[in-house]
Each structure stands twice: as structure tokens, then as C-alpha cells.
Amino acid sequence: MSEFTINCKGKLVELDTPKVMGILNITPNSFYDGGRYKSDSDFLKQAETMFVDGATFLDLGAYSSKPNAEFVSVEEEAQRLLPVLELLLKEFPDALISIDTFRADVAKKAINSGAAIINDISGGMLDSNMLQTVGELGVPYIMMHMRGTPNTMQQFTQYTNLINDILYYFSERISSARSYNIKDIIIDPGFGFSKTLDQNYELMQKMELFSILELPLLVGISRKSMIYKLLGTTPKEALNGTTVLNTISLQKGAKILRVHDVKEAVETLQILNKIL
């Protein structure tokens, strides 16, 4: 029996063998690929490339969560997201698409349009209806650690004990999610969110401690500032650093890698699987 299995649209996906989630941003302002995809054919081509390269999931987001990102209304987020979701599912009907949103209304519309997973950077803290909605929809839920909002999160980097504080946050959030009958929960420690550069590396160093939660772990460090600021480069030049941290993440128990570069992440998995 698989230790970690999630139910996506009636299909059981086992996560004992780690999987790759490709990032597809429908935002004009994401830190790395914002505004890159301008037409239906751009989205379809990128999705196809990611699936061919070995992505198990695609993660669609229509609200940039980079620090100080501008506000987007619920209506605009849905208007950006749903047409692209429907386009992708028409072309790839079996695709397992995750929706990167912290809003219950957007989550509900997306799942009703055929999405499979909700990926919430706020763990239900930014919309009081989110946990109830996900419980009623009966879909897997990725809950991330963040304090404040994307706009304010970098003001909240004071911790008594970084790992203990984040574990306490998750124990409380998991308990709340279970009370709303959310069965499949995935944990995202939230690299880059409400954390300084040093705290991000402390989190990476001690990440195996999250195994105490007995839930699958998602890691999203793709091309983030913890890499390029340390190395004095740019997001564009951060693929090598991303691969290094993805390798360490897998060794420390990550079950899903959320990445911009699917091919390289899948190769990382293949090499590690061969060794292990």
C-alpha cells in the first residue's frame, strides 16, 4: 500500500515516487515568467512541453504572489484563469491541473470547470470560506506557510523558533482542514514567503523534520530570490541553483517539486531514483 496517495478526479496518484508540477502563470507580472504567454497557442504549447517533459501536474495561477504584487479582484482572477483552464482541458482532457488561488470563489469555479487540486498559499487564512469550500469539493488541498499577505509578508519574518513555529502553524491548519472533511492534504513550507534569505536556508537544512506531520511535502524554490540573491545573479540565471536545491529537497523528503523547468526537474528525479 502506498504511503502517500491523493485522489485527483477519481484517479489515485501515488506520491511515494516523487512527482513534478509545472508552473504556468497567467499573470502579466510574475517574477520569472510573467507575461510570457500571450495567446492560446502559447499556453497550449507550454503545457504540451511540460507534459512531454514528464510533469504529472500543472499549476495554473492568475494572481502573482511575489512580494508587493498589486491587488487583483476576484472577478479579474477568474476571468484570467477559467478560459485558459478550459482551453487546456479541451486539448488535454486527462490533465491534472492544480489551481494556485487563495480565494474560495475562484477555487470553486475552477474545480467545477475540471481542475483537480487547490494550491492555497495562505492555508485558508486569507479567505474564511476556503476550507469549507475545498471540503465540499472533495479535492486535494495544498496548504502553504505564509504570514500576512503577498503584499505584507516580508514584514513578518520574526520567529521564536523558525521550524517549531511553522510546525505549529501546520498542526493548527491541518486540524482545521480535517474538521471540514479535507482528506488529501499536501504541505508546502513556503520558501520565500515571510522568510529572510537565511531563514529559507535554515528551513531547507531542517526540512526532514516536517516528516512528523506524516503528509506529502511540496517544495517550490524554482528560480526564487533565495537562489539568485545568494549568488548575485537573476531569476533567469537561477536554474542551476534550482536543481541543486531540488536535489537536496528530494533527499529531505519532498514528494512534489513545483518548477518552471520540468525537464531538468524530471532528470533530477531520474538520477536520484537510480542512486537510491
C-alpha atoms as a PDB file:
ATOM      1  CA  MET A   1       0.000   0.000   0.000  1.00  0.00           C
ATOM      2  CA  SER A   2       1.317   3.431  -0.972  1.00  0.00           C
ATOM      3  CA  GLU A   3       2.137   5.678   1.972  1.00  0.00           C
ATOM      4  CA  PHE A   4       1.043   8.862   0.206  1.00  0.00           C
ATOM      5  CA  THR A   5      -1.824   8.751  -2.300  1.00  0.00           C
ATOM      6  CA  ILE A   6      -4.084  11.586  -3.439  1.00  0.00           C
ATOM      7  CA  ASN A   7      -7.368  11.294  -5.299  1.00  0.00           C
ATOM      8  CA  CYS A   8      -7.445  13.545  -8.374  1.00  0.00           C
ATOM      9  CA  LYS A   9     -10.744  13.400 -10.256  1.00  0.00           C
ATOM     10  CA  GLY A  10     -11.209   9.750  -9.284  1.00  0.00           C
ATOM     11  CA  LYS A  11      -7.658   8.814 -10.257  1.00  0.00           C
ATOM     12  CA  LEU A  12      -5.323   7.746  -7.442  1.00  0.00           C
ATOM     13  CA  VAL A  13      -1.905   9.352  -7.760  1.00  0.00           C
ATOM     14  CA  GLU A  14       0.760   7.830  -5.519  1.00  0.00           C
ATOM     15  CA  LEU A  15       3.455  10.189  -4.297  1.00  0.00           C
ATOM     16  CA  ASP A  16       5.886   7.649  -2.832  1.00  0.00           C
ATOM     17  CA  THR A  17       7.771   8.198  -6.083  1.00  0.00           C
ATOM     18  CA  PRO A  18       8.150  11.997  -6.218  1.00  0.00           C
ATOM     19  CA  LYS A  19       6.335  13.906  -8.956  1.00  0.00           C
ATOM     20  CA  VAL A  20       6.883  17.183 -10.815  1.00  0.00           C
ATOM     21  CA  MET A  21       4.376  20.036 -11.014  1.00  0.00           C
ATOM     22  CA  GLY A  22       4.929  22.515 -13.841  1.00  0.00           C
ATOM     23  CA  ILE A  23       4.185  26.206 -13.213  1.00  0.00           C
ATOM     24  CA  LEU A  24       2.021  28.003 -15.783  1.00  0.00           C
ATOM     25  CA  ASN A  25       1.403  31.624 -14.807  1.00  0.00           C
ATOM     26  CA  ILE A  26      -1.424  33.562 -16.418  1.00  0.00           C
ATOM     27  CA  THR A  27      -0.196  36.743 -14.804  1.00  0.00           C
ATOM     28  CA  PRO A  28       1.402  39.699 -16.564  1.00  0.00           C
ATOM     29  CA  ASN A  29       3.693  40.282 -13.577  1.00  0.00           C
ATOM     30  CA  SER A  30       5.073  37.037 -12.134  1.00  0.00           C
ATOM     31  CA  PHE A  31       8.721  37.345 -11.120  1.00  0.00           C
ATOM     32  CA  TYR A  32      10.106  34.930 -13.731  1.00  0.00           C
ATOM     33  CA  ASP A  33       7.605  34.095 -16.499  1.00  0.00           C
ATOM     34  CA  GLY A  34       5.073  36.924 -16.106  1.00  0.00           C
ATOM     35  CA  GLY A  35       3.563  37.980 -19.419  1.00  0.00           C
ATOM     36  CA  ARG A  36       5.498  35.351 -21.380  1.00  0.00           C
ATOM     37  CA  TYR A  37       2.401  33.561 -22.665  1.00  0.00           C
ATOM     38  CA  LYS A  38       0.205  35.924 -24.669  1.00  0.00           C
ATOM     39  CA  SER A  39      -2.051  33.697 -26.759  1.00  0.00           C
ATOM     40  CA  ASP A  40      -3.978  30.433 -26.584  1.00  0.00           C
ATOM     41  CA  SER A  41      -1.311  28.743 -28.681  1.00  0.00           C
ATOM     42  CA  ASP A  42       1.402  29.935 -26.250  1.00  0.00           C
ATOM     43  CA  PHE A  43      -0.394  28.321 -23.299  1.00  0.00           C
ATOM     44  CA  LEU A  44      -1.101  25.090 -25.189  1.00  0.00           C
ATOM     45  CA  LYS A  45       2.473  24.825 -26.446  1.00  0.00           C
ATOM     46  CA  GLN A  46       3.950  25.365 -22.978  1.00  0.00           C
ATOM     47  CA  ALA A  47       1.519  22.897 -21.367  1.00  0.00           C
ATOM     48  CA  GLU A  48       2.319  20.279 -24.007  1.00  0.00           C
ATOM     49  CA  THR A  49       6.064  20.783 -23.478  1.00  0.00           C
ATOM     50  CA  MET A  50       5.656  20.303 -19.729  1.00  0.00           C
ATOM     51  CA  PHE A  51       3.596  17.127 -20.125  1.00  0.00           C
ATOM     52  CA  VAL A  52       6.012  15.695 -22.706  1.00  0.00           C
ATOM     53  CA  ASP A  53       8.921  16.520 -20.370  1.00  0.00           C
ATOM     54  CA  GLY A  54       7.261  14.492 -17.609  1.00  0.00           C
ATOM     55  CA  ALA A  55       5.070  16.780 -15.484  1.00  0.00           C
ATOM     56  CA  THR A  56       2.362  14.916 -13.539  1.00  0.00           C
ATOM     57  CA  PHE A  57       0.570  18.158 -12.641  1.00  0.00           C
ATOM     58  CA  LEU A  58       0.304  21.688 -13.996  1.00  0.00           C
ATOM     59  CA  ASP A  59      -0.198  24.573 -11.572  1.00  0.00           C
ATOM     60  CA  LEU A  60      -2.196  27.486 -13.011  1.00  0.00           C
ATOM     61  CA  GLY A  61      -2.074  30.846 -11.278  1.00  0.00           C
ATOM     62  CA  ALA A  62      -3.723  34.141 -12.189  1.00  0.00           C
ATOM     63  CA  TYR A  63      -2.650  36.259  -9.187  1.00  0.00           C
ATOM     64  CA  SER A  64       1.046  36.964  -8.695  1.00  0.00           C
ATOM     65  CA  SER A  65       2.150  36.242  -5.128  1.00  0.00           C
ATOM     66  CA  LYS A  66       5.555  37.886  -5.448  1.00  0.00           C
ATOM     67  CA  PRO A  67       6.327  40.470  -2.729  1.00  0.00           C
ATOM     68  CA  ASN A  68       4.390  43.728  -3.242  1.00  0.00           C
ATOM     69  CA  ALA A  69       2.339  42.290  -6.116  1.00  0.00           C
ATOM     70  CA  GLU A  70      -0.598  44.505  -6.998  1.00  0.00           C
ATOM     71  CA  PHE A  71      -4.145  43.603  -5.983  1.00  0.00           C
ATOM     72  CA  VAL A  72      -6.304  41.671  -8.450  1.00  0.00           C
ATOM     73  CA  SER A  73     -10.069  41.428  -7.940  1.00  0.00           C
ATOM     74  CA  VAL A  74     -11.784  38.045  -7.605  1.00  0.00           C
ATOM     75  CA  GLU A  75     -13.587  38.701 -10.902  1.00  0.00           C
ATOM     76  CA  GLU A  76     -10.393  39.513 -12.774  1.00  0.00           C
ATOM     77  CA  GLU A  77      -8.594  36.494 -11.338  1.00  0.00           C
ATOM     78  CA  ALA A  78     -11.432  34.215 -12.501  1.00  0.00           C
ATOM     79  CA  GLN A  79     -11.604  35.930 -15.912  1.00  0.00           C
ATOM     80  CA  ARG A  80      -7.884  35.350 -16.444  1.00  0.00           C
ATOM     81  CA  LEU A  81      -7.904  31.793 -15.178  1.00  0.00           C
ATOM     82  CA  LEU A  82     -11.026  29.999 -16.382  1.00  0.00           C
ATOM     83  CA  PRO A  83     -10.634  30.456 -20.169  1.00  0.00           C
ATOM     84  CA  VAL A  84      -7.070  29.095 -20.036  1.00  0.00           C
ATOM     85  CA  LEU A  85      -8.147  26.193 -17.789  1.00  0.00           C
ATOM     86  CA  GLU A  86     -10.960  25.270 -20.185  1.00  0.00           C
ATOM     87  CA  LEU A  87      -8.619  25.607 -23.169  1.00  0.00           C
ATOM     88  CA  LEU A  88      -6.068  23.245 -21.582  1.00  0.00           C
ATOM     89  CA  LEU A  89      -8.662  20.652 -20.575  1.00  0.00           C
ATOM     90  CA  LYS A  90     -10.209  20.672 -24.035  1.00  0.00           C
ATOM     91  CA  GLU A  91      -6.794  19.842 -25.502  1.00  0.00           C
ATOM     92  CA  PHE A  92      -5.599  17.616 -22.615  1.00  0.00           C
ATOM     93  CA  PRO A  93      -8.789  16.159 -21.057  1.00  0.00           C
ATOM     94  CA  ASP A  94      -6.890  13.886 -18.652  1.00  0.00           C
ATOM     95  CA  ALA A  95      -4.585  16.635 -17.375  1.00  0.00           C
ATOM     96  CA  LEU A  96      -4.317  17.038 -13.605  1.00  0.00           C
ATOM     97  CA  ILE A  97      -4.431  20.774 -13.113  1.00  0.00           C
ATOM     98  CA  SER A  98      -3.793  22.482  -9.801  1.00  0.00           C
ATOM     99  CA  ILE A  99      -5.178  25.984  -9.208  1.00  0.00           C
ATOM    100  CA  ASP A 100      -2.961  28.454  -7.381  1.00  0.00           C
ATOM    101  CA  THR A 101      -5.512  30.633  -5.561  1.00  0.00           C
ATOM    102  CA  PHE A 102      -6.339  31.709  -2.020  1.00  0.00           C
ATOM    103  CA  ARG A 103      -9.950  32.563  -2.886  1.00  0.00           C
ATOM    104  CA  ALA A 104     -12.822  30.151  -2.347  1.00  0.00           C
ATOM    105  CA  ASP A 105     -14.939  31.524  -5.226  1.00  0.00           C
ATOM    106  CA  VAL A 106     -12.117  31.088  -7.724  1.00  0.00           C
ATOM    107  CA  ALA A 107     -11.357  27.618  -6.339  1.00  0.00           C
ATOM    108  CA  LYS A 108     -14.971  26.511  -6.701  1.00  0.00           C
ATOM    109  CA  LYS A 109     -15.331  27.804 -10.271  1.00  0.00           C
ATOM    110  CA  ALA A 110     -12.051  26.189 -11.303  1.00  0.00           C
ATOM    111  CA  ILE A 111     -12.854  22.765  -9.814  1.00  0.00           C
ATOM    112  CA  ASN A 112     -16.313  22.890 -11.408  1.00  0.00           C
ATOM    113  CA  SER A 113     -14.547  23.612 -14.722  1.00  0.00           C
ATOM    114  CA  GLY A 114     -12.403  20.469 -14.391  1.00  0.00           C
ATOM    115  CA  ALA A 115      -9.378  21.362 -12.258  1.00  0.00           C
ATOM    116  CA  ALA A 116      -8.154  18.679  -9.841  1.00  0.00           C
ATOM    117  CA  ILE A 117      -6.291  20.339  -6.930  1.00  0.00           C
ATOM    118  CA  ILE A 118      -6.353  23.602  -4.982  1.00  0.00           C
ATOM    119  CA  ASN A 119      -2.986  25.158  -4.109  1.00  0.00           C
ATOM    120  CA  ASP A 120      -3.508  27.850  -1.460  1.00  0.00           C
ATOM    121  CA  ILE A 121      -0.527  29.991  -0.430  1.00  0.00           C
ATOM    122  CA  SER A 122      -2.428  31.102   2.687  1.00  0.00           C
ATOM    123  CA  GLY A 123      -3.559  27.714   4.035  1.00  0.00           C
ATOM    124  CA  GLY A 124      -7.098  29.089   4.281  1.00  0.00           C
ATOM    125  CA  MET A 125      -6.063  32.194   6.249  1.00  0.00           C
ATOM    126  CA  LEU A 126      -6.965  34.785   3.571  1.00  0.00           C
ATOM    127  CA  ASP A 127     -10.496  33.530   2.817  1.00  0.00           C
ATOM    128  CA  SER A 128     -12.619  32.213   5.677  1.00  0.00           C
ATOM    129  CA  ASN A 129     -14.679  30.136   3.207  1.00  0.00           C
ATOM    130  CA  MET A 130     -11.749  28.309   1.626  1.00  0.00           C
ATOM    131  CA  LEU A 131     -11.504  25.233   3.882  1.00  0.00           C
ATOM    132  CA  GLN A 132     -15.252  24.621   3.836  1.00  0.00           C
ATOM    133  CA  THR A 133     -15.316  25.026   0.047  1.00  0.00           C
ATOM    134  CA  VAL A 134     -12.424  22.601  -0.537  1.00  0.00           C
ATOM    135  CA  GLY A 135     -14.013  20.107   1.867  1.00  0.00           C
ATOM    136  CA  GLU A 136     -17.291  20.259  -0.061  1.00  0.00           C
ATOM    137  CA  LEU A 137     -15.492  19.930  -3.408  1.00  0.00           C
ATOM    138  CA  GLY A 138     -13.626  16.853  -2.142  1.00  0.00           C
ATOM    139  CA  VAL A 139     -10.320  17.680  -3.851  1.00  0.00           C
ATOM    140  CA  PRO A 140      -6.691  17.544  -2.675  1.00  0.00           C
ATOM    141  CA  TYR A 141      -5.510  20.707  -0.928  1.00  0.00           C
ATOM    142  CA  ILE A 142      -2.000  22.114  -0.900  1.00  0.00           C
ATOM    143  CA  MET A 143      -1.553  24.381   2.115  1.00  0.00           C
ATOM    144  CA  MET A 144       1.440  26.673   2.298  1.00  0.00           C
ATOM    145  CA  HIS A 145       3.015  28.526   5.215  1.00  0.00           C
ATOM    146  CA  MET A 146       2.869  32.300   4.925  1.00  0.00           C
ATOM    147  CA  ARG A 147       2.229  35.179   7.308  1.00  0.00           C
ATOM    148  CA  GLY A 148       0.260  38.253   6.258  1.00  0.00           C
ATOM    149  CA  THR A 149      -0.479  38.686   2.553  1.00  0.00           C
ATOM    150  CA  PRO A 150       1.806  38.652  -0.506  1.00  0.00           C
ATOM    151  CA  ASN A 151       1.892  42.423  -0.115  1.00  0.00           C
ATOM    152  CA  THR A 152       2.945  42.406   3.552  1.00  0.00           C
ATOM    153  CA  MET A 153       4.603  39.017   4.091  1.00  0.00           C
ATOM    154  CA  GLN A 154       8.190  40.291   4.260  1.00  0.00           C
ATOM    155  CA  GLN A 155       7.255  42.349   7.342  1.00  0.00           C
ATOM    156  CA  PHE A 156       6.568  39.105   9.239  1.00  0.00           C
ATOM    157  CA  THR A 157       9.915  37.350   9.494  1.00  0.00           C
ATOM    158  CA  GLN A 158      10.294  37.307  13.294  1.00  0.00           C
ATOM    159  CA  TYR A 159      10.107  33.783  14.733  1.00  0.00           C
ATOM    160  CA  THR A 160      10.687  32.415  18.223  1.00  0.00           C
ATOM    161  CA  ASN A 161      11.926  29.206  16.615  1.00  0.00           C
ATOM    162  CA  LEU A 162      11.507  29.012  12.830  1.00  0.00           C
ATOM    163  CA  ILE A 163      10.828  25.283  12.460  1.00  0.00           C
ATOM    164  CA  ASN A 164       8.731  24.927  15.615  1.00  0.00           C
ATOM    165  CA  ASP A 165       6.626  27.956  14.690  1.00  0.00           C
ATOM    166  CA  ILE A 166       5.968  26.620  11.180  1.00  0.00           C
ATOM    167  CA  LEU A 167       5.146  23.136  12.524  1.00  0.00           C
ATOM    168  CA  TYR A 168       2.717  24.692  14.999  1.00  0.00           C
ATOM    169  CA  TYR A 169       1.075  26.632  12.161  1.00  0.00           C
ATOM    170  CA  PHE A 170       0.646  23.434  10.145  1.00  0.00           C
ATOM    171  CA  SER A 171      -0.700  21.389  13.051  1.00  0.00           C
ATOM    172  CA  GLU A 172      -3.397  24.040  13.562  1.00  0.00           C
ATOM    173  CA  ARG A 173      -4.170  24.374   9.832  1.00  0.00           C
ATOM    174  CA  ILE A 174      -4.315  20.599   9.327  1.00  0.00           C
ATOM    175  CA  SER A 175      -6.694  20.260  12.249  1.00  0.00           C
ATOM    176  CA  SER A 176      -8.941  22.964  10.757  1.00  0.00           C
ATOM    177  CA  ALA A 177      -8.828  21.327   7.319  1.00  0.00           C
ATOM    178  CA  ARG A 178      -9.731  17.922   8.773  1.00  0.00           C
ATOM    179  CA  SER A 179     -12.706  19.497  10.579  1.00  0.00           C
ATOM    180  CA  TYR A 180     -14.032  20.457   7.122  1.00  0.00           C
ATOM    181  CA  ASN A 181     -13.521  16.908   5.842  1.00  0.00           C
ATOM    182  CA  ILE A 182     -10.486  17.674   3.659  1.00  0.00           C
ATOM    183  CA  LYS A 183      -8.917  14.249   3.192  1.00  0.00           C
ATOM    184  CA  ASP A 184      -5.892  14.775   0.923  1.00  0.00           C
ATOM    185  CA  ILE A 185      -3.566  17.439   2.332  1.00  0.00           C
ATOM    186  CA  ILE A 186      -0.152  18.378   0.935  1.00  0.00           C
ATOM    187  CA  ILE A 187       2.241  20.600   2.905  1.00  0.00           C
ATOM    188  CA  ASP A 188       4.274  23.438   1.351  1.00  0.00           C
ATOM    189  CA  PRO A 189       6.762  25.069   3.793  1.00  0.00           C
ATOM    190  CA  GLY A 190       6.597  28.296   1.772  1.00  0.00           C
ATOM    191  CA  PHE A 191      10.139  29.070   0.690  1.00  0.00           C
ATOM    192  CA  GLY A 192      10.426  32.807   0.076  1.00  0.00           C
ATOM    193  CA  PHE A 193       7.216  33.674   1.917  1.00  0.00           C
ATOM    194  CA  SER A 194       7.593  35.595   5.225  1.00  0.00           C
ATOM    195  CA  LYS A 195      11.183  34.377   5.455  1.00  0.00           C
ATOM    196  CA  THR A 196      14.584  36.014   5.145  1.00  0.00           C
ATOM    197  CA  LEU A 197      17.301  34.540   2.966  1.00  0.00           C
ATOM    198  CA  ASP A 198      18.960  32.907   5.984  1.00  0.00           C
ATOM    199  CA  GLN A 199      15.624  31.539   7.221  1.00  0.00           C
ATOM    200  CA  ASN A 200      14.981  29.948   3.816  1.00  0.00           C
ATOM    201  CA  TYR A 201      18.267  28.063   4.077  1.00  0.00           C
ATOM    202  CA  GLU A 202      17.603  27.059   7.674  1.00  0.00           C
ATOM    203  CA  LEU A 203      14.242  25.712   6.502  1.00  0.00           C
ATOM    204  CA  MET A 204      15.934  23.730   3.732  1.00  0.00           C
ATOM    205  CA  GLN A 205      18.584  22.436   6.148  1.00  0.00           C
ATOM    206  CA  LYS A 206      15.959  21.083   8.581  1.00  0.00           C
ATOM    207  CA  MET A 207      13.209  20.138   6.159  1.00  0.00           C
ATOM    208  CA  GLU A 208      13.207  16.440   7.070  1.00  0.00           C
ATOM    209  CA  LEU A 209      11.666  17.484  10.420  1.00  0.00           C
ATOM    210  CA  PHE A 210       8.367  18.024   8.574  1.00  0.00           C
ATOM    211  CA  SER A 211       8.047  14.249   8.239  1.00  0.00           C
ATOM    212  CA  ILE A 212       6.499  14.413  11.732  1.00  0.00           C
ATOM    213  CA  LEU A 213       3.311  15.704  10.050  1.00  0.00           C
ATOM    214  CA  GLU A 214       3.044  12.432   8.063  1.00  0.00           C
ATOM    215  CA  LEU A 215       1.818  14.241   4.951  1.00  0.00           C
ATOM    216  CA  PRO A 216       3.369  14.642   1.493  1.00  0.00           C
ATOM    217  CA  LEU A 217       5.630  17.658   1.124  1.00  0.00           C
ATOM    218  CA  LEU A 218       5.671  20.033  -1.856  1.00  0.00           C
ATOM    219  CA  VAL A 219       8.716  22.237  -2.427  1.00  0.00           C
ATOM    220  CA  GLY A 220       8.623  25.324  -4.639  1.00  0.00           C
ATOM    221  CA  ILE A 221      12.008  27.011  -4.851  1.00  0.00           C
ATOM    222  CA  SER A 222      12.203  27.355  -8.636  1.00  0.00           C
ATOM    223  CA  ARG A 223      14.339  30.379  -9.594  1.00  0.00           C
ATOM    224  CA  LYS A 224      13.468  32.163  -6.326  1.00  0.00           C
ATOM    225  CA  SER A 225      15.408  35.022  -4.756  1.00  0.00           C
ATOM    226  CA  MET A 226      16.935  32.709  -2.125  1.00  0.00           C
ATOM    227  CA  ILE A 227      18.995  31.384  -5.047  1.00  0.00           C
ATOM    228  CA  TYR A 228      19.772  34.386  -7.198  1.00  0.00           C
ATOM    229  CA  LYS A 229      20.309  36.853  -4.333  1.00  0.00           C
ATOM    230  CA  LEU A 230      22.758  34.470  -2.681  1.00  0.00           C
ATOM    231  CA  LEU A 231      24.633  34.030  -5.961  1.00  0.00           C
ATOM    232  CA  GLY A 232      24.351  37.661  -7.075  1.00  0.00           C
ATOM    233  CA  THR A 233      22.563  36.804 -10.313  1.00  0.00           C
ATOM    234  CA  THR A 234      18.978  36.960 -11.673  1.00  0.00           C
ATOM    235  CA  PRO A 235      15.955  34.621 -11.890  1.00  0.00           C
ATOM    236  CA  LYS A 236      16.955  33.891 -15.490  1.00  0.00           C
ATOM    237  CA  GLU A 237      20.329  32.543 -14.311  1.00  0.00           C
ATOM    238  CA  ALA A 238      18.969  30.545 -11.369  1.00  0.00           C
ATOM    239  CA  LEU A 239      18.281  27.168 -12.983  1.00  0.00           C
ATOM    240  CA  ASN A 240      21.489  25.534 -11.771  1.00  0.00           C
ATOM    241  CA  GLY A 241      20.838  26.663  -8.189  1.00  0.00           C
ATOM    242  CA  THR A 242      17.245  25.453  -8.510  1.00  0.00           C
ATOM    243  CA  THR A 243      18.465  21.992  -9.498  1.00  0.00           C
ATOM    244  CA  VAL A 244      20.851  21.864  -6.532  1.00  0.00           C
ATOM    245  CA  LEU A 245      18.067  22.758  -4.083  1.00  0.00           C
ATOM    246  CA  ASN A 246      15.585  20.397  -5.757  1.00  0.00           C
ATOM    247  CA  THR A 247      18.104  17.583  -5.274  1.00  0.00           C
ATOM    248  CA  ILE A 248      18.507  18.423  -1.578  1.00  0.00           C
ATOM    249  CA  SER A 249      14.712  18.743  -1.213  1.00  0.00           C
ATOM    250  CA  LEU A 250      14.177  15.241  -2.587  1.00  0.00           C
ATOM    251  CA  GLN A 251      16.828  13.838  -0.250  1.00  0.00           C
ATOM    252  CA  LYS A 252      14.987  15.511   2.646  1.00  0.00           C
ATOM    253  CA  GLY A 253      11.604  14.044   1.752  1.00  0.00           C
ATOM    254  CA  ALA A 254       9.934  16.251  -0.882  1.00  0.00           C
ATOM    255  CA  LYS A 255       7.237  14.399  -2.846  1.00  0.00           C
ATOM    256  CA  ILE A 256       6.318  17.140  -5.335  1.00  0.00           C
ATOM    257  CA  LEU A 257       8.675  19.628  -6.981  1.00  0.00           C
ATOM    258  CA  ARG A 258       6.866  22.732  -8.243  1.00  0.00           C
ATOM    259  CA  VAL A 259       9.039  24.144 -11.026  1.00  0.00           C
ATOM    260  CA  HIS A 260       9.267  26.340 -14.108  1.00  0.00           C
ATOM    261  CA  ASP A 261      11.696  23.895 -15.747  1.00  0.00           C
ATOM    262  CA  VAL A 262      10.075  20.466 -15.879  1.00  0.00           C
ATOM    263  CA  LYS A 263      12.665  18.630 -17.959  1.00  0.00           C
ATOM    264  CA  GLU A 264      15.516  19.433 -15.559  1.00  0.00           C
ATOM    265  CA  ALA A 265      13.430  18.513 -12.501  1.00  0.00           C
ATOM    266  CA  VAL A 266      12.433  15.164 -14.037  1.00  0.00           C
ATOM    267  CA  GLU A 267      16.088  14.442 -14.839  1.00  0.00           C
ATOM    268  CA  THR A 268      16.958  15.219 -11.209  1.00  0.00           C
ATOM    269  CA  LEU A 269      14.350  12.671 -10.106  1.00  0.00           C
ATOM    270  CA  GLN A 270      15.623  10.040 -12.532  1.00  0.00           C
ATOM    271  CA  ILE A 271      19.227  10.373 -11.366  1.00  0.00           C
ATOM    272  CA  LEU A 272      18.297  10.293  -7.664  1.00  0.00           C
ATOM    273  CA  ASN A 273      15.976   7.304  -8.181  1.00  0.00           C
ATOM    274  CA  LYS A 274      18.861   5.444  -9.813  1.00  0.00           C
ATOM    275  CA  ILE A 275      21.119   6.133  -6.831  1.00  0.00           C
ATOM    276  CA  LEU A 276      18.518   5.391  -4.181  1.00  0.00           C
END
